[in-house]
Amino acid sequence: MNAPLRRSLRVDPEGGSRLLRCGQTASCRECGNLIEWYVRSNERRVRLHPHEMPASQVPESCRWHVSSGVAHPSGDGSTWCRLPHAVLCPARPAPRDVPQLSGLRRSLALRTRRLLDAKVFSPSAIPPPNGPRPGEKVCRPARPVVQLLYLRYLASCPVEEIQCVTQTRRRVRCSAKVLGPGDLRGVWSLVPVSVQRGQLALPSDIMAVYSLSALPYQEQLRWRSQRCLQHDSTPTAGDLAVADWEPFEPLRHHEHIHARLPAHRRRPGPGSPAPREAHS
């Protein structure tokens, strides 16, 4: 009996959507190299190197495998494995416990340099993870915490820069922002940091949250699906990217907790009361 031929997963070029649940190709915002987004068993997303590596050349702590479209942080017993992009990204410090991967890191660093020389990649356009851009207010979070549909999410960029994920008729990603010029806006508020009992204490007991809870339910759904006003009224338009929302966890994302509101003006002088709410 002949074994059936394996068929790779493909996207219909005439289809309206280019979105797949797994293996979505993208570029790293820090180094410009190719990555693939996969979903883990806990519904978190992980960036993997797009090519498999011999398992003998990869430490066990860095081995990943993909099964049924889900990424798992371990080997599957085969001679090949996947690698997380975080240990290879040349824009990040090299891990000390993986010298075997230094050659691959150098090749990725060389490609980053070529992208920079060709002016097709600009890491300066990326908001830094723990600080503002030049000329911006110090209190403006690069990755704000947003509350919608009674849940808190960590955004990948400032609120006014969140981009629509829909595919246009030219088969490119829509360049419009979710927060339109005349759109309903949320409110910046200081709220308590909720931590489960028995966990370690955090440096601050309050944090700034961009709350969308006062908006209509349909408007919150639009934010959750990360669509602009035009494509929200076009449900047949397919998505070209995954929404950037990441479930907020206080202990895991403690570096993104800010105890001050991103107000544009503050009262001078010590002891001046800070505003409790600020509209974006």
Protein backbone atom coordinates (compact mmCIF):
# COMPACT_ATOMS: atom_id res chain seq x y z
CA MET A 1 0.00 0.00 0.00
CA ASN A 2 1.43 3.32 -1.06
CA ALA A 3 1.81 6.01 1.58
CA PRO A 4 -0.13 9.22 0.87
CA LEU A 5 1.86 12.18 -0.33
CA ARG A 6 2.36 15.01 2.11
CA ARG A 7 0.85 18.31 1.09
CA SER A 8 2.11 21.62 2.39
CA LEU A 9 -0.36 24.16 3.66
CA ARG A 10 -0.94 26.88 1.09
CA VAL A 11 -3.03 30.01 0.79
CA ASP A 12 -5.28 30.47 -2.22
CA PRO A 13 -3.79 33.44 -4.13
CA GLU A 14 -7.33 34.50 -5.08
CA GLY A 15 -8.63 34.28 -1.51
CA GLY A 16 -9.67 37.33 0.46
CA SER A 17 -7.57 36.54 3.52
CA ARG A 18 -3.84 35.85 3.77
CA LEU A 19 -3.99 34.93 7.46
CA LEU A 20 -2.98 31.55 8.82
CA ARG A 21 -3.22 30.42 12.41
CA CYS A 22 0.38 29.24 12.48
CA GLY A 23 3.62 29.90 10.72
CA GLN A 24 2.87 33.50 9.81
CA THR A 25 5.97 35.03 8.28
CA ALA A 26 7.01 38.47 9.48
CA SER A 27 10.12 40.54 10.13
CA CYS A 28 11.64 41.19 13.52
CA ARG A 29 11.11 44.80 14.55
CA GLU A 30 14.49 44.88 16.25
CA CYS A 31 16.81 43.35 13.64
CA GLY A 32 14.73 43.06 10.44
CA ASN A 33 15.33 39.32 9.97
CA LEU A 34 12.59 36.90 9.02
CA ILE A 35 10.60 35.20 11.78
CA GLU A 36 7.56 32.96 12.03
CA TRP A 37 4.80 33.51 14.57
CA TYR A 38 3.36 30.41 16.23
CA VAL A 39 0.78 29.91 18.94
CA ARG A 40 1.76 28.05 22.10
CA SER A 41 -0.48 25.69 24.08
CA ASN A 42 -1.23 28.52 26.54
CA GLU A 43 -2.43 30.73 23.64
CA ARG A 44 0.63 32.95 23.84
CA ARG A 45 2.54 33.65 20.67
CA VAL A 46 6.22 32.94 20.12
CA ARG A 47 8.68 34.00 17.42
CA LEU A 48 10.62 31.12 15.89
CA HIS A 49 13.52 31.07 13.45
CA PRO A 50 12.03 30.19 10.04
CA HIS A 51 14.42 27.25 9.41
CA GLU A 52 14.96 23.98 11.24
CA MET A 53 18.33 23.22 12.82
CA PRO A 54 20.07 19.91 13.61
CA ALA A 55 19.16 19.09 17.19
CA SER A 56 22.76 18.06 17.92
CA GLN A 57 23.88 21.67 17.36
CA VAL A 58 21.24 23.22 19.61
CA PRO A 59 21.22 23.08 23.44
CA GLU A 60 18.24 21.27 24.93
CA SER A 61 17.03 24.47 26.61
CA CYS A 62 16.67 26.14 23.19
CA ARG A 63 14.94 23.33 21.31
CA TRP A 64 11.36 23.83 20.10
CA HIS A 65 9.10 21.76 17.92
CA VAL A 66 5.80 22.38 16.16
CA SER A 67 2.99 19.84 16.33
CA SER A 68 -0.42 20.36 14.72
CA GLY A 69 0.33 24.06 14.32
CA VAL A 70 1.20 24.58 18.00
CA ALA A 71 4.74 25.38 19.19
CA HIS A 72 6.16 23.53 22.19
CA PRO A 73 9.34 24.51 24.13
CA SER A 74 11.09 21.13 23.91
CA GLY A 75 12.43 18.65 21.43
CA ASP A 76 10.23 16.00 19.85
CA GLY A 77 12.87 13.28 19.73
CA SER A 78 13.77 13.87 16.09
CA THR A 79 17.13 14.98 14.72
CA TRP A 80 15.76 18.42 13.86
CA CYS A 81 14.32 21.22 15.98
CA ARG A 82 13.23 24.85 15.84
CA LEU A 83 14.86 27.83 17.56
CA PRO A 84 13.32 30.86 19.28
CA HIS A 85 14.33 34.05 17.56
CA ALA A 86 15.12 35.69 20.90
CA VAL A 87 18.37 33.71 21.28
CA LEU A 88 19.44 34.59 17.73
CA CYS A 89 18.38 38.22 17.42
CA PRO A 90 21.54 40.29 16.85
CA ALA A 91 19.85 43.33 18.39
CA ARG A 92 19.81 41.59 21.78
CA PRO A 93 22.73 40.56 24.00
CA ALA A 94 24.12 37.16 23.09
CA PRO A 95 23.24 34.44 25.61
CA ARG A 96 26.32 33.12 27.36
CA ASP A 97 25.11 29.52 27.55
CA VAL A 98 24.65 29.01 23.77
CA PRO A 99 28.07 29.55 22.11
CA GLN A 100 27.10 26.95 19.49
CA LEU A 101 24.75 29.48 17.91
CA SER A 102 27.29 32.29 17.54
CA GLY A 103 27.82 31.53 13.84
CA LEU A 104 24.11 31.78 13.05
CA ARG A 105 23.88 35.00 15.07
CA ARG A 106 26.72 36.50 13.04
CA SER A 107 25.00 35.65 9.77
CA LEU A 108 21.79 37.32 10.98
CA ALA A 109 23.78 40.35 12.13
CA LEU A 110 25.33 40.58 8.67
CA ARG A 111 21.89 40.53 7.06
CA THR A 112 20.74 43.27 9.43
CA ARG A 113 23.70 45.39 8.37
CA ARG A 114 22.82 44.86 4.71
CA LEU A 115 19.23 45.93 5.36
CA LEU A 116 20.46 49.05 7.12
CA ASP A 117 22.88 49.89 4.32
CA ALA A 118 20.12 49.43 1.74
CA LYS A 119 17.84 51.68 3.86
CA VAL A 120 15.03 49.14 3.77
CA PHE A 121 15.03 48.68 7.53
CA SER A 122 15.17 51.31 10.25
CA PRO A 123 15.26 50.14 13.87
CA SER A 124 14.97 53.75 15.03
CA ALA A 125 11.34 53.71 13.84
CA ILE A 126 10.59 51.07 16.45
CA PRO A 127 9.54 52.27 19.90
CA PRO A 128 12.11 51.16 22.48
CA PRO A 129 10.76 48.63 25.00
CA ASN A 130 11.50 50.66 28.12
CA GLY A 131 11.73 54.26 27.04
CA PRO A 132 10.24 56.99 24.86
CA ARG A 133 11.43 58.17 21.51
CA PRO A 134 13.48 61.36 21.20
CA GLY A 135 11.28 64.39 21.67
CA GLU A 136 8.44 62.49 23.34
CA LYS A 137 7.14 62.94 26.85
CA VAL A 138 8.91 60.80 29.41
CA CYS A 139 5.63 59.52 30.82
CA ARG A 140 4.36 58.17 27.49
CA PRO A 141 4.50 54.35 27.62
CA ALA A 142 5.88 52.63 24.53
CA ARG A 143 3.75 49.54 25.30
CA PRO A 144 0.64 50.72 27.17
CA VAL A 145 -1.76 48.54 29.11
CA VAL A 146 -5.22 48.71 27.53
CA GLN A 147 -8.44 47.56 29.15
CA LEU A 148 -11.27 46.41 26.88
CA LEU A 149 -14.05 43.86 27.20
CA TYR A 150 -13.26 43.65 30.95
CA LEU A 151 -9.75 42.34 30.25
CA ARG A 152 -6.33 43.99 30.24
CA TYR A 153 -3.96 43.65 27.32
CA LEU A 154 -0.43 44.81 26.62
CA ALA A 155 -0.20 46.68 23.32
CA SER A 156 2.86 46.37 21.10
CA CYS A 157 3.08 50.12 20.41
CA PRO A 158 1.56 53.42 21.64
CA VAL A 159 -2.23 53.63 21.41
CA GLU A 160 -2.29 56.15 18.56
CA GLU A 161 0.07 53.95 16.48
CA ILE A 162 -1.89 50.67 16.62
CA GLN A 163 -2.33 49.68 12.97
CA CYS A 164 -5.21 47.94 11.24
CA VAL A 165 -4.53 44.27 10.42
CA THR A 166 -6.83 44.05 7.38
CA GLN A 167 -5.64 43.28 3.86
CA THR A 168 -6.40 45.92 1.24
CA ARG A 169 -7.37 45.34 -2.38
CA ARG A 170 -3.69 45.72 -3.30
CA ARG A 171 -2.96 42.76 -1.00
CA VAL A 172 -0.93 44.79 1.44
CA ARG A 173 -1.65 45.61 5.05
CA CYS A 174 -3.92 48.57 5.68
CA SER A 175 -1.90 51.58 6.85
CA ALA A 176 -4.79 53.19 8.75
CA LYS A 177 -4.75 53.40 12.52
CA VAL A 178 -7.36 51.88 14.79
CA LEU A 179 -7.70 55.21 16.60
CA GLY A 180 -9.11 57.51 13.93
CA PRO A 181 -8.98 61.33 14.09
CA GLY A 182 -12.68 61.67 14.96
CA ASP A 183 -13.07 58.33 16.67
CA LEU A 184 -14.29 57.60 20.18
CA ARG A 185 -11.38 57.61 22.57
CA GLY A 186 -10.54 55.89 25.80
CA VAL A 187 -9.50 57.38 29.12
CA TRP A 188 -6.19 57.11 30.94
CA SER A 189 -6.74 56.14 34.56
CA LEU A 190 -4.73 55.02 37.55
CA VAL A 191 -6.02 51.63 38.70
CA PRO A 192 -4.81 49.10 41.28
CA VAL A 193 -2.41 46.41 40.10
CA SER A 194 -4.20 43.11 40.64
CA VAL A 195 -1.89 40.31 41.77
CA GLN A 196 -3.01 36.93 43.01
CA ARG A 197 -2.59 36.12 46.68
CA GLY A 198 0.71 34.47 47.51
CA GLN A 199 2.63 36.07 44.63
CA LEU A 200 5.55 38.43 45.03
CA ALA A 201 4.81 42.11 45.62
CA LEU A 202 5.33 44.54 42.75
CA PRO A 203 7.25 47.83 42.93
CA SER A 204 4.00 49.81 42.55
CA ASP A 205 0.43 49.18 43.68
CA ILE A 206 -1.15 51.37 40.98
CA MET A 207 -0.58 51.63 37.24
CA ALA A 208 -1.72 53.69 34.27
CA VAL A 209 -4.28 51.94 32.06
CA TYR A 210 -5.89 53.16 28.83
CA SER A 211 -9.47 52.11 29.48
CA LEU A 212 -11.95 51.54 26.65
CA SER A 213 -14.62 50.12 28.97
CA ALA A 214 -16.87 53.17 28.56
CA LEU A 215 -17.11 52.70 24.79
CA PRO A 216 -19.98 50.76 23.19
CA TYR A 217 -19.61 47.00 22.98
CA GLN A 218 -19.26 46.99 19.19
CA GLU A 219 -16.55 49.64 19.42
CA GLN A 220 -14.59 47.51 21.88
CA LEU A 221 -14.94 44.54 19.54
CA ARG A 222 -13.45 46.67 16.77
CA TRP A 223 -10.46 47.48 18.95
CA ARG A 224 -10.07 43.83 19.93
CA SER A 225 -10.06 42.71 16.28
CA GLN A 226 -7.70 45.65 15.54
CA ARG A 227 -9.57 47.09 12.58
CA CYS A 228 -9.91 50.65 11.35
CA LEU A 229 -13.33 52.26 10.91
CA GLN A 230 -13.44 51.58 7.17
CA HIS A 231 -12.63 47.89 7.37
CA ASP A 232 -14.80 47.36 10.43
CA SER A 233 -17.77 48.07 8.18
CA THR A 234 -16.40 45.56 5.63
CA PRO A 235 -16.60 42.16 7.36
CA THR A 236 -15.64 40.30 4.16
CA ALA A 237 -12.16 41.85 4.15
CA GLY A 238 -9.56 39.32 5.30
CA ASP A 239 -6.83 39.88 7.86
CA LEU A 240 -3.18 39.99 6.85
CA ALA A 241 -1.72 39.93 10.37
CA VAL A 242 -2.61 38.79 13.86
CA ALA A 243 -3.86 41.34 16.36
CA ASP A 244 -0.96 42.51 18.53
CA TRP A 245 -2.79 42.23 21.85
CA GLU A 246 -0.98 40.23 24.51
CA PRO A 247 -2.80 39.25 27.72
CA PHE A 248 -1.35 41.43 30.47
CA GLU A 249 0.27 39.64 33.40
CA PRO A 250 1.57 41.95 36.18
CA LEU A 251 4.50 39.76 37.18
CA ARG A 252 5.57 38.86 33.66
CA HIS A 253 5.18 42.41 32.30
CA HIS A 254 6.21 44.34 35.40
CA GLU A 255 8.63 46.53 33.40
CA HIS A 256 5.64 48.01 31.52
CA ILE A 257 3.85 49.13 34.69
CA HIS A 258 3.84 52.92 35.01
CA ALA A 259 2.54 54.68 38.10
CA ARG A 260 2.10 58.04 36.33
CA LEU A 261 -0.47 59.16 33.80
CA PRO A 262 0.79 60.18 30.33
CA ALA A 263 -0.60 63.71 30.71
CA HIS A 264 0.80 66.38 28.39
CA ARG A 265 1.01 68.98 31.16
CA ARG A 266 1.92 68.57 34.80
CA ARG A 267 1.75 71.00 37.64
CA PRO A 268 5.22 72.27 38.58
CA GLY A 269 6.64 72.13 42.03
CA PRO A 270 6.93 69.37 44.61
CA GLY A 271 3.78 68.08 46.23
CA SER A 272 1.50 69.07 43.38
CA PRO A 273 -1.36 66.56 42.99
CA ALA A 274 -1.24 64.57 39.79
CA PRO A 275 -4.44 64.25 37.74
CA ARG A 276 -6.32 61.01 38.18
CA GLU A 277 -7.58 60.82 34.62
CA ALA A 278 -6.36 62.02 31.27
CA HIS A 279 -7.96 61.72 27.84
CA SER A 280 -5.76 60.60 24.98
